[in-house]
Amino acid sequence: MHKLATFAAGCFWGVEEAFLSSGKIISTQVGYTGGTTASPTYAMVCTGNTGHAEAVKVAYDPQTTTYGDLLGIFWRIHNPTTMNRQGPDSGSQYRSAIFYHDEDQHAQAKASLSEQQQKISNPIVTQIVPASVFYPAEEYHQQYIRKTGRNTCHI
């Protein structure tokens, strides 16, 4: 049986590729979550007016991969101290967020954030919020890095 985890850490193309490349997950899906607009499109989310973040939903096997493993990937692939910005991408849709699916994930995410904060001096701005409706992105965004052969868009 698999479990789900959802993360936002900037452009979802690079976030997805980082999780896929880790070898620790079953599957990924990029999409939009955390906002108020129903059935958003990429064009709508890019305006910054939907409240949604570009996010990646990850399916993993808890027998072989822990949620802590996934949190470790999340912290390594982005700068959690920049508000609504990752690299050249800016706007609330690029915010740093952990969308937890149960109370165990919530507790682990909070503890993990505290551990990370001990390692850096700038305040971490990562949101830790309950997972809500996840709207899959358009098909061309799914595994975009692999489809196009581009280098990752992430740090």
Protein backbone atom coordinates (compact mmCIF):
# COMPACT_ATOMS: atom_id res chain seq x y z
CA MET A 1 0.00 0.00 0.00
CA HIS A 2 1.36 3.41 -0.86
CA LYS A 3 1.07 6.76 0.89
CA LEU A 4 0.96 10.28 -0.50
CA ALA A 5 3.07 13.35 0.23
CA THR A 6 2.71 16.79 -1.36
CA PHE A 7 5.37 19.48 -1.61
CA ALA A 8 5.77 22.91 -3.21
CA ALA A 9 9.31 24.23 -3.69
CA GLY A 10 9.27 26.46 -6.75
CA CYS A 11 8.81 25.36 -10.36
CA PHE A 12 7.15 21.96 -10.23
CA TRP A 13 9.22 20.62 -13.13
CA GLY A 14 12.42 20.63 -11.10
CA VAL A 15 10.74 19.49 -7.88
CA GLU A 16 9.21 16.52 -9.67
CA GLU A 17 12.51 15.57 -11.30
CA ALA A 18 14.31 15.67 -7.94
CA PHE A 19 11.83 13.20 -6.46
CA LEU A 20 11.83 10.97 -9.56
CA SER A 21 15.64 10.91 -9.63
CA SER A 22 15.85 9.95 -5.97
CA GLY A 23 14.70 6.39 -6.65
CA LYS A 24 12.66 6.58 -3.45
CA ILE A 25 9.18 7.07 -4.84
CA ILE A 26 6.56 5.12 -6.82
CA SER A 27 5.16 7.96 -8.89
CA THR A 28 4.65 11.71 -9.10
CA GLN A 29 2.01 14.09 -10.37
CA VAL A 30 2.49 17.82 -10.77
CA GLY A 31 -0.39 20.16 -10.16
CA TYR A 32 -1.90 23.02 -8.24
CA THR A 33 -3.02 23.11 -4.62
CA GLY A 34 -3.48 25.39 -1.65
CA GLY A 35 -5.61 28.01 -3.37
CA THR A 36 -9.22 28.98 -3.80
CA THR A 37 -9.84 28.75 -7.55
CA ALA A 38 -11.52 25.53 -8.69
CA SER A 39 -10.01 23.68 -11.66
CA PRO A 40 -7.20 26.15 -12.33
CA THR A 41 -5.10 26.08 -15.47
CA TYR A 42 -1.40 26.83 -15.73
CA ALA A 43 -2.19 30.22 -17.25
CA MET A 44 -4.47 31.05 -14.32
CA VAL A 45 -1.94 29.92 -11.69
CA CYS A 46 0.82 31.94 -13.36
CA THR A 47 -1.11 35.15 -12.66
CA GLY A 48 -0.62 34.58 -8.92
CA ASN A 49 -4.32 35.28 -8.36
CA THR A 50 -5.57 31.74 -7.67
CA GLY A 51 -3.80 31.22 -4.35
CA HIS A 52 -2.48 27.89 -5.64
CA ALA A 53 1.11 26.74 -5.49
CA GLU A 54 2.83 24.68 -8.16
CA ALA A 55 3.16 21.40 -6.28
CA VAL A 56 4.15 17.78 -6.65
CA LYS A 57 2.14 14.91 -5.24
CA VAL A 58 4.39 11.94 -4.53
CA ALA A 59 3.29 8.33 -4.04
CA TYR A 60 5.71 6.28 -1.96
CA ASP A 61 5.94 2.91 -0.25
CA PRO A 62 6.33 3.41 3.52
CA GLN A 63 7.93 -0.04 3.74
CA THR A 64 10.95 1.19 1.76
CA THR A 65 10.86 5.00 2.02
CA THR A 66 10.06 7.12 5.04
CA TYR A 67 8.32 10.46 5.05
CA GLY A 68 11.53 11.73 6.62
CA ASP A 69 13.43 10.63 3.50
CA LEU A 70 11.06 12.75 1.39
CA LEU A 71 11.41 15.72 3.73
CA GLY A 72 15.18 15.42 3.32
CA ILE A 73 14.82 15.70 -0.46
CA PHE A 74 12.44 18.65 -0.08
CA TRP A 75 14.87 20.64 2.08
CA ARG A 76 17.85 19.92 -0.21
CA ILE A 77 16.24 21.05 -3.48
CA HIS A 78 15.23 24.61 -2.70
CA ASN A 79 15.84 27.68 -0.56
CA PRO A 80 13.17 27.68 2.17
CA THR A 81 14.11 31.19 3.32
CA THR A 82 12.91 33.11 0.26
CA MET A 83 9.29 34.21 0.37
CA ASN A 84 7.40 33.37 -2.82
CA ARG A 85 10.59 32.94 -4.84
CA GLN A 86 12.88 30.22 -6.09
CA GLY A 87 15.69 31.31 -8.37
CA PRO A 88 14.29 33.45 -11.17
CA ASP A 89 10.69 32.42 -10.43
CA SER A 90 8.70 34.74 -8.22
CA GLY A 91 5.11 34.82 -7.06
CA SER A 92 3.01 33.02 -4.46
CA GLN A 93 2.67 30.06 -6.84
CA TYR A 94 6.39 29.35 -6.21
CA ARG A 95 6.19 29.38 -2.42
CA SER A 96 7.76 26.78 -0.18
CA ALA A 97 5.10 24.56 1.38
CA ILE A 98 4.56 21.14 2.87
CA PHE A 99 0.97 19.94 2.45
CA TYR A 100 0.52 17.22 5.06
CA HIS A 101 -1.93 14.35 4.58
CA ASP A 102 -2.24 13.19 8.19
CA GLU A 103 -1.23 14.16 11.71
CA ASP A 104 1.93 12.03 11.60
CA GLN A 105 3.13 13.94 8.53
CA HIS A 106 2.18 17.20 10.26
CA ALA A 107 4.28 16.37 13.32
CA GLN A 108 7.23 15.18 11.22
CA ALA A 109 7.09 18.28 9.00
CA LYS A 110 7.12 20.60 12.04
CA ALA A 111 10.01 18.72 13.64
CA SER A 112 11.91 18.70 10.36
CA LEU A 113 11.44 22.45 9.92
CA SER A 114 12.79 23.01 13.44
CA GLU A 115 15.84 20.88 12.65
CA GLN A 116 16.48 22.80 9.43
CA GLN A 117 16.13 26.13 11.20
CA GLN A 118 18.92 25.10 13.58
CA LYS A 119 21.25 24.76 10.57
CA ILE A 120 20.66 28.19 8.99
CA SER A 121 20.47 31.74 10.26
CA ASN A 122 17.79 33.19 7.94
CA PRO A 123 14.22 32.45 8.99
CA ILE A 124 12.52 29.60 7.14
CA VAL A 125 9.26 30.74 5.51
CA THR A 126 8.00 27.29 4.50
CA GLN A 127 4.28 26.84 5.11
CA ILE A 128 3.10 23.63 6.76
CA VAL A 129 -0.58 23.29 5.92
CA PRO A 130 -3.15 20.51 5.49
CA ALA A 131 -3.35 18.95 2.04
CA SER A 132 -6.43 20.14 0.18
CA VAL A 133 -7.85 19.58 -3.27
CA PHE A 134 -5.04 18.83 -5.72
CA TYR A 135 -5.68 19.76 -9.34
CA PRO A 136 -3.44 17.87 -11.76
CA ALA A 137 -1.56 20.12 -14.16
CA GLU A 138 -1.96 19.79 -17.88
CA GLU A 139 -0.42 16.63 -19.36
CA TYR A 140 2.50 18.43 -21.01
CA HIS A 141 3.73 19.46 -17.53
CA GLN A 142 3.87 15.87 -16.25
CA GLN A 143 7.52 14.69 -16.17
CA TYR A 144 8.38 17.75 -18.27
CA ILE A 145 12.13 17.52 -17.66
CA ARG A 146 12.21 13.93 -18.94
CA LYS A 147 9.92 14.61 -21.88
CA THR A 148 11.97 17.54 -23.11
CA GLY A 149 15.46 16.38 -22.19
CA ARG A 150 16.10 19.73 -20.54
CA ASN A 151 18.32 20.18 -17.57
CA THR A 152 16.50 20.68 -14.32
CA CYS A 153 15.11 24.15 -13.72
CA HIS A 154 15.99 23.89 -10.03
CA ILE A 155 19.01 24.67 -7.89
